[in-house]
Amino acid sequence: MSGPSLVELIAEADERGLAASGLACLDRCVPLLGGGDEVLRPLWRSLAEDGAWDTALAEARVELGGSDVLEESSGTFTGVFSQKSAGRSPGNEAVVLVYRMLGAAPSARSTAELREWADACSVAALQIHRLLDTAPDGGPRSASLRARRAGRTEDISPLVAAELRRQIRILELLADRSTGAGGLRQALDVSTEGRRVLRAVVSRRERGRV
């Protein structure tokens, strides 16, 4: 993979880019919580209009529920692969990871907190796609994801590869100052396409259980 790695792009992103990157990861995974396509739109709007991020975030948490997981996830988002995920089915583990992304979102848009959140959301979203992919993604779980984010993509599974490309594309769009508000709209379009893909994956899994 040519160009900066995902890790490098997150390290160099500004406050808006970090907020959009974390939000986009969460947005693509909302189908696992049963959320509609518009549930996080107020958060996107707050980024575009420099509006009340904290209010939009609180509303999204009420809308998506999962209060027990949200309480567990509040504050810093560390240990994405916690012991509490051990023994869960892939679908259940993926749901918990999405709730943790939502619960760990900082209410204040400070660059330091957003960088930590965006980085953790990146790992969580890749792990969610890995859990739901029917094709194998080689190597030990945590080591493999670190390698993917650093730019090593040999033997990467299709669903994880597509999610990695989306994360990189969104950060590239928002790093380009010439795009202005258009960069945020394009980032939302990229995320919307990814959400449709994951919704289809979730739907197929549900049909397979019938």
C-alpha atoms as a PDB file:
ATOM      1  CA  MET A   1       0.000   0.000   0.000  1.00  0.00           C
ATOM      2  CA  SER A   2       1.532   3.276  -1.103  1.00  0.00           C
ATOM      3  CA  GLY A   3       1.277   6.573   0.759  1.00  0.00           C
ATOM      4  CA  PRO A   4       1.056   7.150   4.508  1.00  0.00           C
ATOM      5  CA  SER A   5      -0.217   4.310   6.641  1.00  0.00           C
ATOM      6  CA  LEU A   6      -3.423   4.545   8.647  1.00  0.00           C
ATOM      7  CA  VAL A   7      -1.404   4.960  11.838  1.00  0.00           C
ATOM      8  CA  GLU A   8       0.516   7.859  10.307  1.00  0.00           C
ATOM      9  CA  LEU A   9      -2.644   9.557   9.043  1.00  0.00           C
ATOM     10  CA  ILE A  10      -4.254   9.425  12.492  1.00  0.00           C
ATOM     11  CA  ALA A  11      -1.082  10.777  14.085  1.00  0.00           C
ATOM     12  CA  GLU A  12      -1.086  13.754  11.694  1.00  0.00           C
ATOM     13  CA  ALA A  13      -4.836  14.505  11.620  1.00  0.00           C
ATOM     14  CA  ASP A  14      -6.300  17.680  13.068  1.00  0.00           C
ATOM     15  CA  GLU A  15      -9.264  17.934  15.450  1.00  0.00           C
ATOM     16  CA  ARG A  16     -11.933  17.854  12.726  1.00  0.00           C
ATOM     17  CA  GLY A  17     -10.265  14.973  10.915  1.00  0.00           C
ATOM     18  CA  LEU A  18     -10.005  12.940  14.108  1.00  0.00           C
ATOM     19  CA  ALA A  19     -13.630  13.564  15.060  1.00  0.00           C
ATOM     20  CA  ALA A  20     -14.825  12.608  11.581  1.00  0.00           C
ATOM     21  CA  SER A  21     -12.593   9.537  11.483  1.00  0.00           C
ATOM     22  CA  GLY A  22     -13.921   8.183  14.777  1.00  0.00           C
ATOM     23  CA  LEU A  23     -17.496   9.113  13.901  1.00  0.00           C
ATOM     24  CA  ALA A  24     -17.238   7.438  10.504  1.00  0.00           C
ATOM     25  CA  CYS A  25     -16.005   4.190  12.091  1.00  0.00           C
ATOM     26  CA  LEU A  26     -18.971   4.287  14.460  1.00  0.00           C
ATOM     27  CA  ASP A  27     -21.395   5.236  11.677  1.00  0.00           C
ATOM     28  CA  ARG A  28     -20.400   2.282   9.498  1.00  0.00           C
ATOM     29  CA  CYS A  29     -21.013  -0.116  12.397  1.00  0.00           C
ATOM     30  CA  VAL A  30     -24.408   1.273  13.501  1.00  0.00           C
ATOM     31  CA  PRO A  31     -26.343  -1.530  11.692  1.00  0.00           C
ATOM     32  CA  LEU A  32     -25.135  -3.900  14.416  1.00  0.00           C
ATOM     33  CA  LEU A  33     -27.104  -1.838  16.945  1.00  0.00           C
ATOM     34  CA  GLY A  34     -30.208  -1.699  14.773  1.00  0.00           C
ATOM     35  CA  GLY A  35     -29.709   2.025  14.205  1.00  0.00           C
ATOM     36  CA  GLY A  36     -31.146   3.752  11.159  1.00  0.00           C
ATOM     37  CA  ASP A  37     -29.160   5.622   8.552  1.00  0.00           C
ATOM     38  CA  GLU A  38     -29.946   9.005  10.102  1.00  0.00           C
ATOM     39  CA  VAL A  39     -29.221   8.257  13.775  1.00  0.00           C
ATOM     40  CA  LEU A  40     -25.749   9.840  13.737  1.00  0.00           C
ATOM     41  CA  ARG A  41     -26.529  12.572  11.228  1.00  0.00           C
ATOM     42  CA  PRO A  42     -26.766  15.275  13.964  1.00  0.00           C
ATOM     43  CA  LEU A  43     -23.147  14.497  14.897  1.00  0.00           C
ATOM     44  CA  TRP A  44     -22.058  14.894  11.279  1.00  0.00           C
ATOM     45  CA  ARG A  45     -23.997  18.156  11.137  1.00  0.00           C
ATOM     46  CA  SER A  46     -22.287  19.422  14.277  1.00  0.00           C
ATOM     47  CA  LEU A  47     -18.918  18.878  12.591  1.00  0.00           C
ATOM     48  CA  ALA A  48     -20.003  20.640   9.420  1.00  0.00           C
ATOM     49  CA  GLU A  49     -21.535  23.607  11.248  1.00  0.00           C
ATOM     50  CA  ASP A  50     -19.236  23.660  14.293  1.00  0.00           C
ATOM     51  CA  GLY A  51     -22.338  22.980  16.367  1.00  0.00           C
ATOM     52  CA  ALA A  52     -23.044  21.348  19.713  1.00  0.00           C
ATOM     53  CA  TRP A  53     -21.179  18.034  19.461  1.00  0.00           C
ATOM     54  CA  ASP A  54     -21.896  17.159  23.111  1.00  0.00           C
ATOM     55  CA  THR A  55     -25.652  17.569  22.676  1.00  0.00           C
ATOM     56  CA  ALA A  56     -25.723  15.517  19.472  1.00  0.00           C
ATOM     57  CA  LEU A  57     -23.633  12.817  21.150  1.00  0.00           C
ATOM     58  CA  ALA A  58     -25.963  12.613  24.148  1.00  0.00           C
ATOM     59  CA  GLU A  59     -28.959  12.267  21.824  1.00  0.00           C
ATOM     60  CA  ALA A  60     -27.267   9.462  19.872  1.00  0.00           C
ATOM     61  CA  ARG A  61     -26.552   7.568  23.078  1.00  0.00           C
ATOM     62  CA  VAL A  62     -30.186   7.786  24.132  1.00  0.00           C
ATOM     63  CA  GLU A  63     -31.342   6.706  20.674  1.00  0.00           C
ATOM     64  CA  LEU A  64     -29.022   3.696  20.447  1.00  0.00           C
ATOM     65  CA  GLY A  65     -29.370   2.520  24.055  1.00  0.00           C
ATOM     66  CA  GLY A  66     -27.014  -0.051  25.589  1.00  0.00           C
ATOM     67  CA  SER A  67     -26.710   1.877  28.857  1.00  0.00           C
ATOM     68  CA  ASP A  68     -24.880  -0.945  30.678  1.00  0.00           C
ATOM     69  CA  VAL A  69     -22.139  -1.091  28.046  1.00  0.00           C
ATOM     70  CA  LEU A  70     -22.030   2.686  27.727  1.00  0.00           C
ATOM     71  CA  GLU A  71     -21.352   3.058  31.450  1.00  0.00           C
ATOM     72  CA  GLU A  72     -18.587   0.472  31.212  1.00  0.00           C
ATOM     73  CA  SER A  73     -17.112   2.322  28.218  1.00  0.00           C
ATOM     74  CA  SER A  74     -17.242   5.902  29.466  1.00  0.00           C
ATOM     75  CA  GLY A  75     -13.980   7.796  29.795  1.00  0.00           C
ATOM     76  CA  THR A  76     -10.905   6.454  28.049  1.00  0.00           C
ATOM     77  CA  PHE A  77     -11.292   3.671  25.501  1.00  0.00           C
ATOM     78  CA  THR A  78      -8.487   1.225  26.186  1.00  0.00           C
ATOM     79  CA  GLY A  79      -8.185  -2.519  25.880  1.00  0.00           C
ATOM     80  CA  VAL A  80     -10.480  -2.976  22.905  1.00  0.00           C
ATOM     81  CA  PHE A  81      -9.999  -6.722  23.231  1.00  0.00           C
ATOM     82  CA  SER A  82     -10.958  -6.888  26.901  1.00  0.00           C
ATOM     83  CA  GLN A  83     -11.531 -10.021  28.927  1.00  0.00           C
ATOM     84  CA  LYS A  84     -15.234  -9.216  28.986  1.00  0.00           C
ATOM     85  CA  SER A  85     -15.328 -10.006  25.269  1.00  0.00           C
ATOM     86  CA  ALA A  86     -13.834 -13.438  25.797  1.00  0.00           C
ATOM     87  CA  GLY A  87     -16.219 -16.269  24.976  1.00  0.00           C
ATOM     88  CA  ARG A  88     -18.753 -14.121  23.146  1.00  0.00           C
ATOM     89  CA  SER A  89     -20.012 -15.114  19.727  1.00  0.00           C
ATOM     90  CA  PRO A  90     -18.554 -12.972  16.903  1.00  0.00           C
ATOM     91  CA  GLY A  91     -21.841 -11.114  16.487  1.00  0.00           C
ATOM     92  CA  ASN A  92     -22.169 -10.344  20.192  1.00  0.00           C
ATOM     93  CA  GLU A  93     -18.550  -9.277  20.497  1.00  0.00           C
ATOM     94  CA  ALA A  94     -19.000  -6.954  17.530  1.00  0.00           C
ATOM     95  CA  VAL A  95     -22.069  -5.350  19.145  1.00  0.00           C
ATOM     96  CA  VAL A  96     -20.145  -4.723  22.365  1.00  0.00           C
ATOM     97  CA  LEU A  97     -17.332  -3.102  20.409  1.00  0.00           C
ATOM     98  CA  VAL A  98     -19.761  -0.724  18.706  1.00  0.00           C
ATOM     99  CA  TYR A  99     -21.282   0.288  22.040  1.00  0.00           C
ATOM    100  CA  ARG A 100     -17.793   0.894  23.408  1.00  0.00           C
ATOM    101  CA  MET A 101     -17.002   3.197  20.507  1.00  0.00           C
ATOM    102  CA  LEU A 102     -20.165   5.146  21.283  1.00  0.00           C
ATOM    103  CA  GLY A 103     -19.593   5.161  25.040  1.00  0.00           C
ATOM    104  CA  ALA A 104     -15.992   6.326  24.745  1.00  0.00           C
ATOM    105  CA  ALA A 105     -16.689   9.256  22.411  1.00  0.00           C
ATOM    106  CA  PRO A 106     -15.426  12.416  24.143  1.00  0.00           C
ATOM    107  CA  SER A 107     -18.050  15.049  24.899  1.00  0.00           C
ATOM    108  CA  ALA A 108     -15.482  17.809  24.428  1.00  0.00           C
ATOM    109  CA  ARG A 109     -13.761  18.017  21.061  1.00  0.00           C
ATOM    110  CA  SER A 110     -10.198  18.245  22.328  1.00  0.00           C
ATOM    111  CA  THR A 111      -7.518  17.052  19.925  1.00  0.00           C
ATOM    112  CA  ALA A 112      -5.814  14.750  22.446  1.00  0.00           C
ATOM    113  CA  GLU A 113      -9.032  12.964  23.447  1.00  0.00           C
ATOM    114  CA  LEU A 114     -10.238  12.735  19.872  1.00  0.00           C
ATOM    115  CA  ARG A 115      -6.938  11.233  18.720  1.00  0.00           C
ATOM    116  CA  GLU A 116      -7.168   8.506  21.352  1.00  0.00           C
ATOM    117  CA  TRP A 117     -10.806   7.860  20.426  1.00  0.00           C
ATOM    118  CA  ALA A 118     -10.196   7.857  16.671  1.00  0.00           C
ATOM    119  CA  ASP A 119      -7.296   5.452  17.075  1.00  0.00           C
ATOM    120  CA  ALA A 120      -9.336   3.061  19.218  1.00  0.00           C
ATOM    121  CA  CYS A 121     -12.345   3.313  16.879  1.00  0.00           C
ATOM    122  CA  SER A 122     -10.083   2.443  13.957  1.00  0.00           C
ATOM    123  CA  VAL A 123      -8.940  -0.750  15.692  1.00  0.00           C
ATOM    124  CA  ALA A 124     -12.459  -1.622  16.841  1.00  0.00           C
ATOM    125  CA  ALA A 125     -14.014  -1.120  13.400  1.00  0.00           C
ATOM    126  CA  LEU A 126     -11.370  -3.298  11.759  1.00  0.00           C
ATOM    127  CA  GLN A 127     -11.923  -5.974  14.386  1.00  0.00           C
ATOM    128  CA  ILE A 128     -15.692  -5.821  13.856  1.00  0.00           C
ATOM    129  CA  HIS A 129     -15.239  -6.335  10.115  1.00  0.00           C
ATOM    130  CA  ARG A 130     -12.814  -9.152  10.828  1.00  0.00           C
ATOM    131  CA  LEU A 131     -15.289 -10.868  13.157  1.00  0.00           C
ATOM    132  CA  LEU A 132     -18.035 -10.670  10.533  1.00  0.00           C
ATOM    133  CA  ASP A 133     -15.915 -11.679   7.540  1.00  0.00           C
ATOM    134  CA  THR A 134     -16.328 -15.252   6.359  1.00  0.00           C
ATOM    135  CA  ALA A 135     -12.840 -15.220   4.834  1.00  0.00           C
ATOM    136  CA  PRO A 136      -9.807 -15.690   7.125  1.00  0.00           C
ATOM    137  CA  ASP A 137      -7.504 -12.790   7.966  1.00  0.00           C
ATOM    138  CA  GLY A 138      -4.090 -14.276   8.659  1.00  0.00           C
ATOM    139  CA  GLY A 139      -2.085 -13.977  11.846  1.00  0.00           C
ATOM    140  CA  PRO A 140      -2.819 -13.482  15.533  1.00  0.00           C
ATOM    141  CA  ARG A 141      -5.693 -11.078  16.070  1.00  0.00           C
ATOM    142  CA  SER A 142      -4.022  -8.054  17.704  1.00  0.00           C
ATOM    143  CA  ALA A 143      -0.724  -8.425  15.838  1.00  0.00           C
ATOM    144  CA  SER A 144      -2.513  -8.729  12.512  1.00  0.00           C
ATOM    145  CA  LEU A 145      -4.557  -5.585  13.051  1.00  0.00           C
ATOM    146  CA  ARG A 146      -1.443  -3.628  14.031  1.00  0.00           C
ATOM    147  CA  ALA A 147       0.206  -4.810  10.829  1.00  0.00           C
ATOM    148  CA  ARG A 148      -2.799  -3.828   8.718  1.00  0.00           C
ATOM    149  CA  ARG A 149      -2.889  -0.340  10.179  1.00  0.00           C
ATOM    150  CA  ALA A 150       0.841   0.039   9.634  1.00  0.00           C
ATOM    151  CA  GLY A 151       0.443  -0.767   5.935  1.00  0.00           C
ATOM    152  CA  ARG A 152       1.142  -4.506   5.717  1.00  0.00           C
ATOM    153  CA  THR A 153      -1.810  -5.976   3.842  1.00  0.00           C
ATOM    154  CA  GLU A 154      -0.681  -9.414   2.649  1.00  0.00           C
ATOM    155  CA  ASP A 155      -3.354 -12.120   3.156  1.00  0.00           C
ATOM    156  CA  ILE A 156      -5.887  -9.511   4.299  1.00  0.00           C
ATOM    157  CA  SER A 157      -9.528 -10.633   4.113  1.00  0.00           C
ATOM    158  CA  PRO A 158     -11.869  -8.761   1.728  1.00  0.00           C
ATOM    159  CA  LEU A 159     -14.136  -7.138   4.313  1.00  0.00           C
ATOM    160  CA  VAL A 160     -11.193  -5.948   6.420  1.00  0.00           C
ATOM    161  CA  ALA A 161      -9.380  -4.671   3.313  1.00  0.00           C
ATOM    162  CA  ALA A 162     -12.408  -2.599   2.299  1.00  0.00           C
ATOM    163  CA  GLU A 163     -12.754  -1.128   5.795  1.00  0.00           C
ATOM    164  CA  LEU A 164      -9.046  -0.272   5.877  1.00  0.00           C
ATOM    165  CA  ARG A 165      -9.346   1.537   2.526  1.00  0.00           C
ATOM    166  CA  ARG A 166     -12.331   3.532   3.769  1.00  0.00           C
ATOM    167  CA  GLN A 167     -10.556   4.624   6.929  1.00  0.00           C
ATOM    168  CA  ILE A 168      -7.539   5.784   4.938  1.00  0.00           C
ATOM    169  CA  ARG A 169      -9.667   7.539   2.308  1.00  0.00           C
ATOM    170  CA  ILE A 170     -11.631   9.493   4.903  1.00  0.00           C
ATOM    171  CA  LEU A 171      -8.482  10.729   6.632  1.00  0.00           C
ATOM    172  CA  GLU A 172      -6.953  11.668   3.273  1.00  0.00           C
ATOM    173  CA  LEU A 173     -10.063  13.646   2.306  1.00  0.00           C
ATOM    174  CA  LEU A 174     -10.052  15.582   5.563  1.00  0.00           C
ATOM    175  CA  ALA A 175      -6.309  16.217   5.446  1.00  0.00           C
ATOM    176  CA  ASP A 176      -6.769  18.046   2.133  1.00  0.00           C
ATOM    177  CA  ARG A 177      -7.560  21.615   3.195  1.00  0.00           C
ATOM    178  CA  SER A 178      -8.567  22.536  -0.364  1.00  0.00           C
ATOM    179  CA  THR A 179     -11.732  20.413  -0.112  1.00  0.00           C
ATOM    180  CA  GLY A 180     -13.244  22.545   2.672  1.00  0.00           C
ATOM    181  CA  ALA A 181     -16.759  21.462   3.652  1.00  0.00           C
ATOM    182  CA  GLY A 182     -16.795  19.247   0.577  1.00  0.00           C
ATOM    183  CA  GLY A 183     -14.235  16.967   2.206  1.00  0.00           C
ATOM    184  CA  LEU A 184     -16.609  16.261   5.068  1.00  0.00           C
ATOM    185  CA  ARG A 185     -19.455  15.518   2.646  1.00  0.00           C
ATOM    186  CA  GLN A 186     -17.229  13.134   0.703  1.00  0.00           C
ATOM    187  CA  ALA A 187     -16.163  11.462   3.957  1.00  0.00           C
ATOM    188  CA  LEU A 188     -19.818  10.964   4.843  1.00  0.00           C
ATOM    189  CA  ASP A 189     -20.446   9.445   1.408  1.00  0.00           C
ATOM    190  CA  VAL A 190     -17.576   6.995   1.895  1.00  0.00           C
ATOM    191  CA  SER A 191     -18.903   6.039   5.316  1.00  0.00           C
ATOM    192  CA  THR A 192     -22.469   5.656   4.017  1.00  0.00           C
ATOM    193  CA  GLU A 193     -21.279   3.200   1.378  1.00  0.00           C
ATOM    194  CA  GLY A 194     -19.460   1.211   4.062  1.00  0.00           C
ATOM    195  CA  ARG A 195     -22.542   1.194   6.285  1.00  0.00           C
ATOM    196  CA  ARG A 196     -24.591  -0.296   3.438  1.00  0.00           C
ATOM    197  CA  VAL A 197     -22.004  -3.032   3.000  1.00  0.00           C
ATOM    198  CA  LEU A 198     -22.027  -3.907   6.694  1.00  0.00           C
ATOM    199  CA  ARG A 199     -25.834  -3.784   6.829  1.00  0.00           C
ATOM    200  CA  ALA A 200     -25.906  -6.365   4.023  1.00  0.00           C
ATOM    201  CA  VAL A 201     -23.408  -8.546   5.915  1.00  0.00           C
ATOM    202  CA  VAL A 202     -25.497  -8.346   9.086  1.00  0.00           C
ATOM    203  CA  SER A 203     -28.648  -9.179   7.111  1.00  0.00           C
ATOM    204  CA  ARG A 204     -27.011 -12.262   5.582  1.00  0.00           C
ATOM    205  CA  ARG A 205     -25.889 -13.443   9.015  1.00  0.00           C
ATOM    206  CA  GLU A 206     -29.401 -13.019  10.387  1.00  0.00           C
ATOM    207  CA  ARG A 207     -30.909 -14.984   7.496  1.00  0.00           C
ATOM    208  CA  GLY A 208     -28.347 -17.726   8.084  1.00  0.00           C
ATOM    209  CA  ARG A 209     -29.629 -18.202  11.633  1.00  0.00           C
ATOM    210  CA  VAL A 210     -33.200 -18.820  10.493  1.00  0.00           C
END
